[in-house]
């Protein structure tokens, strides 16, 4: 149902480098880029993630309560990717761990303050 998710940035070059390095750990690669946006693909027919300079020319801002959740294959990968996001300059929004009986997630904010998480739910 969802083809792509787009989050705003005020520095496309920095955001693209952050996500190139982070998402490559999940096997994603750039699907395309323009002077206003960069998108990564997780495979044919899968949802893409994109960062963009806002179309209206106003500064990108973070939506309160907005979050992108990225599913991964196991809890060890949640740990690895969360640590990588922090290594790349992201901010910790919740250490990796169980939330409930089986939902394992680690939360972070990217360089523009967008909130994301990696999760595993068997």
N, C-alpha and C. Protein backbone atom coordinates (compact mmCIF):
# COMPACT_ATOMS: atom_id res chain seq x y z
N UNK A 1 0.81 -1.18 0.00
CA UNK A 1 0.00 0.00 0.00
C UNK A 1 0.87 1.26 0.00
N UNK A 2 1.93 1.30 0.80
CA UNK A 2 2.77 2.49 0.85
C UNK A 2 3.95 2.30 -0.10
N UNK A 3 4.12 3.22 -1.04
CA UNK A 3 5.20 3.13 -2.01
C UNK A 3 6.47 3.76 -1.49
N UNK A 4 6.35 4.92 -0.82
CA UNK A 4 7.54 5.57 -0.27
C UNK A 4 7.18 6.44 0.92
N UNK A 5 8.16 6.67 1.77
CA UNK A 5 8.06 7.59 2.89
C UNK A 5 9.06 8.70 2.63
N UNK A 6 8.68 9.92 2.90
CA UNK A 6 9.57 11.05 2.65
C UNK A 6 9.69 11.87 3.92
N UNK A 7 10.92 12.21 4.28
CA UNK A 7 11.17 13.07 5.43
C UNK A 7 11.99 14.26 4.98
N UNK A 8 11.80 15.38 5.67
CA UNK A 8 12.45 16.62 5.27
C UNK A 8 13.87 16.75 5.79
N UNK A 9 14.65 17.54 5.06
CA UNK A 9 16.01 17.87 5.48
C UNK A 9 16.31 19.31 5.10
N UNK A 10 17.22 19.91 5.86
CA UNK A 10 17.71 21.24 5.54
C UNK A 10 19.11 21.18 4.96
N UNK A 11 19.69 19.99 4.88
CA UNK A 11 21.02 19.79 4.31
C UNK A 11 21.03 18.46 3.58
N UNK A 12 20.66 18.49 2.31
CA UNK A 12 20.50 17.27 1.53
C UNK A 12 21.78 16.46 1.46
N UNK A 13 22.90 17.13 1.28
CA UNK A 13 24.18 16.41 1.17
C UNK A 13 24.49 15.63 2.44
N UNK A 14 24.34 16.26 3.61
CA UNK A 14 24.61 15.58 4.88
C UNK A 14 23.61 14.45 5.12
N UNK A 15 22.34 14.72 4.84
CA UNK A 15 21.31 13.69 5.04
C UNK A 15 21.56 12.50 4.12
N UNK A 16 21.92 12.76 2.87
CA UNK A 16 22.19 11.67 1.92
C UNK A 16 23.36 10.82 2.38
N UNK A 17 24.41 11.45 2.88
CA UNK A 17 25.56 10.69 3.37
C UNK A 17 25.17 9.85 4.59
N UNK A 18 24.40 10.43 5.52
CA UNK A 18 23.93 9.71 6.70
C UNK A 18 23.15 8.46 6.29
N UNK A 19 22.16 8.64 5.41
CA UNK A 19 21.32 7.51 5.02
C UNK A 19 22.03 6.55 4.07
N UNK A 20 22.94 7.02 3.23
CA UNK A 20 23.74 6.09 2.42
C UNK A 20 24.45 5.09 3.33
N UNK A 21 25.09 5.60 4.35
CA UNK A 21 25.88 4.76 5.24
C UNK A 21 25.01 3.91 6.14
N UNK A 22 23.91 4.46 6.63
CA UNK A 22 23.04 3.73 7.53
C UNK A 22 22.23 2.67 6.81
N UNK A 23 21.56 3.05 5.73
CA UNK A 23 20.67 2.11 5.05
C UNK A 23 21.41 1.03 4.28
N UNK A 24 22.66 1.28 3.91
CA UNK A 24 23.45 0.23 3.25
C UNK A 24 23.63 -0.96 4.19
N UNK A 25 23.61 -0.71 5.50
CA UNK A 25 23.72 -1.79 6.49
C UNK A 25 22.50 -2.72 6.42
N UNK A 26 21.40 -2.25 5.84
CA UNK A 26 20.18 -3.04 5.69
C UNK A 26 20.06 -3.62 4.29
N UNK A 27 21.03 -3.33 3.44
CA UNK A 27 20.97 -3.82 2.07
C UNK A 27 20.24 -2.88 1.12
N UNK A 28 19.91 -1.67 1.57
CA UNK A 28 19.25 -0.70 0.70
C UNK A 28 20.29 0.04 -0.13
N UNK A 29 19.86 0.54 -1.27
CA UNK A 29 20.74 1.33 -2.11
C UNK A 29 19.94 2.49 -2.71
N UNK A 30 20.68 3.50 -3.17
CA UNK A 30 19.99 4.65 -3.77
C UNK A 30 19.21 4.20 -4.99
N UNK A 31 17.96 4.60 -5.01
CA UNK A 31 17.11 4.32 -6.17
C UNK A 31 17.25 5.45 -7.19
N UNK A 32 17.33 6.69 -6.68
CA UNK A 32 17.53 7.85 -7.54
C UNK A 32 17.81 9.06 -6.68
N UNK A 33 18.31 10.11 -7.34
CA UNK A 33 18.52 11.38 -6.63
C UNK A 33 18.36 12.53 -7.62
N UNK A 34 17.95 13.68 -7.08
CA UNK A 34 17.85 14.91 -7.84
C UNK A 34 18.52 15.99 -7.00
N UNK A 35 18.43 17.23 -7.41
CA UNK A 35 19.00 18.31 -6.62
C UNK A 35 18.13 18.64 -5.41
N UNK A 36 16.95 18.03 -5.29
CA UNK A 36 16.04 18.30 -4.18
C UNK A 36 15.76 17.10 -3.29
N UNK A 37 16.03 15.87 -3.77
CA UNK A 37 15.73 14.69 -2.97
C UNK A 37 16.61 13.51 -3.32
N UNK A 38 16.70 12.58 -2.37
CA UNK A 38 17.41 11.31 -2.57
C UNK A 38 16.50 10.22 -2.02
N UNK A 39 16.39 9.10 -2.76
CA UNK A 39 15.54 7.99 -2.33
C UNK A 39 16.34 6.69 -2.34
N UNK A 40 16.02 5.83 -1.37
CA UNK A 40 16.68 4.52 -1.26
C UNK A 40 15.64 3.43 -1.41
N UNK A 41 16.06 2.34 -2.03
CA UNK A 41 15.19 1.20 -2.28
C UNK A 41 15.65 0.01 -1.45
N UNK A 42 14.69 -0.72 -0.93
CA UNK A 42 14.96 -1.94 -0.18
C UNK A 42 14.68 -3.16 -1.04
N UNK A 43 14.42 -2.95 -2.34
CA UNK A 43 14.17 -4.05 -3.26
C UNK A 43 12.92 -3.79 -4.08
N UNK A 44 12.83 -4.47 -5.19
CA UNK A 44 11.70 -4.34 -6.11
C UNK A 44 10.38 -4.55 -5.38
N UNK A 45 9.48 -3.58 -5.53
CA UNK A 45 8.16 -3.70 -4.94
C UNK A 45 8.08 -3.37 -3.46
N UNK A 46 9.19 -2.97 -2.85
CA UNK A 46 9.21 -2.64 -1.42
C UNK A 46 9.13 -1.13 -1.24
N UNK A 47 8.71 -0.72 -0.08
CA UNK A 47 8.59 0.71 0.24
C UNK A 47 9.96 1.37 0.20
N UNK A 48 10.04 2.56 -0.38
CA UNK A 48 11.28 3.33 -0.42
C UNK A 48 11.26 4.39 0.67
N UNK A 49 12.45 4.85 1.04
CA UNK A 49 12.61 5.96 1.97
C UNK A 49 13.31 7.08 1.24
N UNK A 50 12.83 8.31 1.39
CA UNK A 50 13.43 9.46 0.71
C UNK A 50 13.62 10.60 1.69
N UNK A 51 14.64 11.41 1.44
CA UNK A 51 14.81 12.69 2.15
C UNK A 51 14.71 13.78 1.10
N UNK A 52 14.13 14.91 1.51
CA UNK A 52 13.89 15.97 0.55
C UNK A 52 14.01 17.35 1.18
N UNK A 53 14.41 18.29 0.38
CA UNK A 53 14.30 19.69 0.74
C UNK A 53 12.85 20.05 0.45
N UNK A 54 12.14 20.65 1.40
CA UNK A 54 10.71 20.92 1.20
C UNK A 54 10.43 21.69 -0.10
N UNK A 55 9.40 21.25 -0.79
CA UNK A 55 9.00 21.82 -2.06
C UNK A 55 8.64 23.29 -1.95
N UNK A 56 8.04 23.68 -0.80
CA UNK A 56 7.59 25.07 -0.64
C UNK A 56 8.72 26.04 -0.33
N UNK A 57 9.97 25.55 -0.19
CA UNK A 57 11.11 26.41 0.06
C UNK A 57 11.26 26.83 1.51
N UNK A 58 10.32 26.44 2.35
CA UNK A 58 10.42 26.74 3.78
C UNK A 58 11.34 25.71 4.45
N UNK A 59 11.88 26.04 5.63
CA UNK A 59 12.74 25.07 6.32
C UNK A 59 12.00 23.78 6.66
N UNK A 60 12.71 22.67 6.59
CA UNK A 60 12.15 21.40 7.03
C UNK A 60 12.01 21.44 8.54
N UNK A 61 10.90 20.94 9.05
CA UNK A 61 10.68 20.83 10.48
C UNK A 61 10.24 19.42 10.81
N UNK A 62 10.39 19.06 12.07
CA UNK A 62 10.04 17.72 12.53
C UNK A 62 8.60 17.70 12.99
N UNK A 63 7.85 16.70 12.55
CA UNK A 63 6.47 16.57 12.99
C UNK A 63 6.41 15.92 14.37
N UNK A 64 5.76 16.56 15.32
CA UNK A 64 5.62 16.00 16.65
C UNK A 64 4.70 14.79 16.59
N UNK A 65 5.22 13.63 16.99
CA UNK A 65 4.46 12.39 16.92
C UNK A 65 4.68 11.61 15.64
N UNK A 66 5.42 12.17 14.69
CA UNK A 66 5.72 11.49 13.44
C UNK A 66 6.94 10.61 13.61
N UNK A 67 6.89 9.37 13.10
CA UNK A 67 8.03 8.47 13.19
C UNK A 67 7.97 7.48 12.03
N UNK A 68 9.15 7.10 11.54
CA UNK A 68 9.27 6.07 10.52
C UNK A 68 9.87 4.84 11.20
N UNK A 69 9.22 3.70 11.06
CA UNK A 69 9.69 2.44 11.64
C UNK A 69 10.16 1.52 10.52
N UNK A 70 11.40 1.04 10.64
CA UNK A 70 12.00 0.18 9.62
C UNK A 70 12.19 -1.22 10.17
N UNK A 71 11.55 -2.19 9.55
CA UNK A 71 11.60 -3.59 9.99
C UNK A 71 12.92 -4.24 9.55
N UNK A 72 13.53 -5.00 10.46
CA UNK A 72 14.76 -5.73 10.14
C UNK A 72 14.59 -7.20 10.54
N UNK A 73 15.57 -8.02 10.16
CA UNK A 73 15.46 -9.48 10.26
C UNK A 73 15.64 -10.06 11.66
N UNK A 74 16.30 -9.34 12.57
CA UNK A 74 16.52 -9.89 13.91
C UNK A 74 16.91 -8.79 14.88
N UNK A 75 16.89 -9.12 16.17
CA UNK A 75 17.18 -8.12 17.20
C UNK A 75 18.64 -7.68 17.18
N UNK A 76 19.56 -8.56 16.79
CA UNK A 76 20.97 -8.16 16.70
C UNK A 76 21.16 -7.06 15.68
N UNK A 77 20.40 -7.11 14.58
CA UNK A 77 20.49 -6.06 13.57
C UNK A 77 19.91 -4.74 14.08
N UNK A 78 18.89 -4.81 14.91
CA UNK A 78 18.37 -3.59 15.56
C UNK A 78 19.50 -2.94 16.33
N UNK A 79 20.22 -3.73 17.14
CA UNK A 79 21.33 -3.21 17.94
C UNK A 79 22.40 -2.57 17.05
N UNK A 80 22.78 -3.28 15.99
CA UNK A 80 23.83 -2.81 15.08
C UNK A 80 23.44 -1.50 14.40
N UNK A 81 22.22 -1.45 13.87
CA UNK A 81 21.78 -0.27 13.14
C UNK A 81 21.56 0.92 14.05
N UNK A 82 21.04 0.68 15.24
CA UNK A 82 20.86 1.77 16.20
C UNK A 82 22.21 2.37 16.56
N UNK A 83 23.19 1.51 16.83
CA UNK A 83 24.55 1.99 17.14
C UNK A 83 25.15 2.75 15.96
N UNK A 84 24.91 2.28 14.75
CA UNK A 84 25.42 2.95 13.55
C UNK A 84 24.80 4.33 13.40
N UNK A 85 23.49 4.44 13.64
CA UNK A 85 22.82 5.74 13.54
C UNK A 85 23.45 6.73 14.52
N UNK A 86 23.74 6.29 15.73
CA UNK A 86 24.36 7.17 16.72
C UNK A 86 25.79 7.51 16.33
N UNK A 87 26.52 6.52 15.81
CA UNK A 87 27.90 6.75 15.34
C UNK A 87 27.94 7.81 14.25
N UNK A 88 26.92 7.84 13.41
CA UNK A 88 26.85 8.79 12.29
C UNK A 88 26.33 10.16 12.71
N UNK A 89 26.06 10.35 13.99
CA UNK A 89 25.63 11.66 14.47
C UNK A 89 24.18 11.75 14.88
N UNK A 90 23.44 10.64 14.77
CA UNK A 90 22.06 10.64 15.21
C UNK A 90 21.98 10.71 16.73
N UNK A 91 20.80 11.04 17.25
CA UNK A 91 20.59 11.15 18.69
C UNK A 91 19.74 9.99 19.18
N UNK A 92 20.09 9.46 20.33
CA UNK A 92 19.36 8.34 20.92
C UNK A 92 18.00 8.80 21.43
N UNK A 93 16.95 8.08 21.03
CA UNK A 93 15.60 8.36 21.50
C UNK A 93 15.04 7.16 22.26
N UNK A 94 15.86 6.15 22.48
CA UNK A 94 15.43 4.95 23.20
C UNK A 94 16.33 3.79 22.84
N UNK A 95 17.07 3.32 23.84
CA UNK A 95 17.99 2.21 23.60
C UNK A 95 17.26 0.99 23.07
N UNK A 96 17.93 0.15 22.27
CA UNK A 96 17.32 -1.08 21.80
C UNK A 96 16.90 -1.97 22.98
N UNK A 97 15.75 -2.57 22.84
CA UNK A 97 15.25 -3.48 23.87
C UNK A 97 13.83 -3.89 23.57
N UNK A 98 13.33 -4.79 24.40
CA UNK A 98 11.96 -5.28 24.26
C UNK A 98 10.96 -4.23 24.70
N UNK A 99 9.93 -4.11 23.93
CA UNK A 99 8.76 -3.32 24.28
C UNK A 99 7.59 -4.29 24.18
N UNK A 100 7.08 -4.73 25.30
CA UNK A 100 6.07 -5.77 25.28
C UNK A 100 6.72 -7.14 25.21
N UNK A 101 5.95 -8.14 24.83
CA UNK A 101 6.42 -9.52 24.85
C UNK A 101 7.44 -9.84 23.76
N UNK A 102 7.29 -9.25 22.56
CA UNK A 102 8.18 -9.66 21.47
C UNK A 102 8.64 -8.53 20.55
N UNK A 103 8.18 -7.31 20.78
CA UNK A 103 8.54 -6.19 19.92
C UNK A 103 9.86 -5.62 20.40
N UNK A 104 10.92 -5.76 19.59
CA UNK A 104 12.27 -5.32 19.95
C UNK A 104 12.61 -4.13 19.07
N UNK A 105 12.92 -2.97 19.67
CA UNK A 105 13.14 -1.76 18.88
C UNK A 105 14.18 -0.86 19.51
N UNK A 106 14.82 -0.07 18.65
CA UNK A 106 15.74 0.98 19.07
C UNK A 106 15.37 2.26 18.33
N UNK A 107 15.25 3.37 19.06
CA UNK A 107 14.75 4.62 18.51
C UNK A 107 15.87 5.65 18.42
N UNK A 108 15.83 6.48 17.37
CA UNK A 108 16.83 7.53 17.19
C UNK A 108 16.25 8.68 16.39
N UNK A 109 16.96 9.80 16.42
CA UNK A 109 16.65 10.94 15.55
C UNK A 109 17.81 11.12 14.59
N UNK A 110 17.49 11.44 13.34
CA UNK A 110 18.54 11.66 12.35
C UNK A 110 19.13 13.06 12.51
N UNK A 111 19.96 13.48 11.59
CA UNK A 111 20.65 14.76 11.69
C UNK A 111 19.72 15.96 11.65
N UNK A 112 18.51 15.78 11.09
CA UNK A 112 17.52 16.86 11.03
C UNK A 112 16.49 16.77 12.15
N UNK A 113 16.62 15.77 13.02
CA UNK A 113 15.69 15.61 14.13
C UNK A 113 14.49 14.73 13.82
N UNK A 114 14.44 14.11 12.64
CA UNK A 114 13.36 13.19 12.32
C UNK A 114 13.50 11.94 13.18
N UNK A 115 12.40 11.46 13.74
CA UNK A 115 12.43 10.27 14.60
C UNK A 115 12.17 9.02 13.78
N UNK A 116 13.04 8.02 13.99
CA UNK A 116 12.92 6.73 13.32
C UNK A 116 13.19 5.63 14.34
N UNK A 117 12.86 4.41 13.95
CA UNK A 117 13.30 3.26 14.74
C UNK A 117 13.56 2.09 13.82
N UNK A 118 14.40 1.20 14.30
CA UNK A 118 14.58 -0.12 13.70
C UNK A 118 13.89 -1.08 14.65
N UNK A 119 13.14 -2.04 14.09
CA UNK A 119 12.47 -2.99 14.97
C UNK A 119 12.47 -4.39 14.39
N UNK A 120 12.33 -5.36 15.30
CA UNK A 120 12.16 -6.76 14.96
C UNK A 120 10.99 -7.27 15.77
N UNK A 121 10.04 -7.90 15.09
CA UNK A 121 8.88 -8.46 15.74
C UNK A 121 8.60 -9.82 15.10
N UNK A 122 9.09 -10.88 15.77
CA UNK A 122 8.95 -12.23 15.15
C UNK A 122 7.51 -12.67 14.96
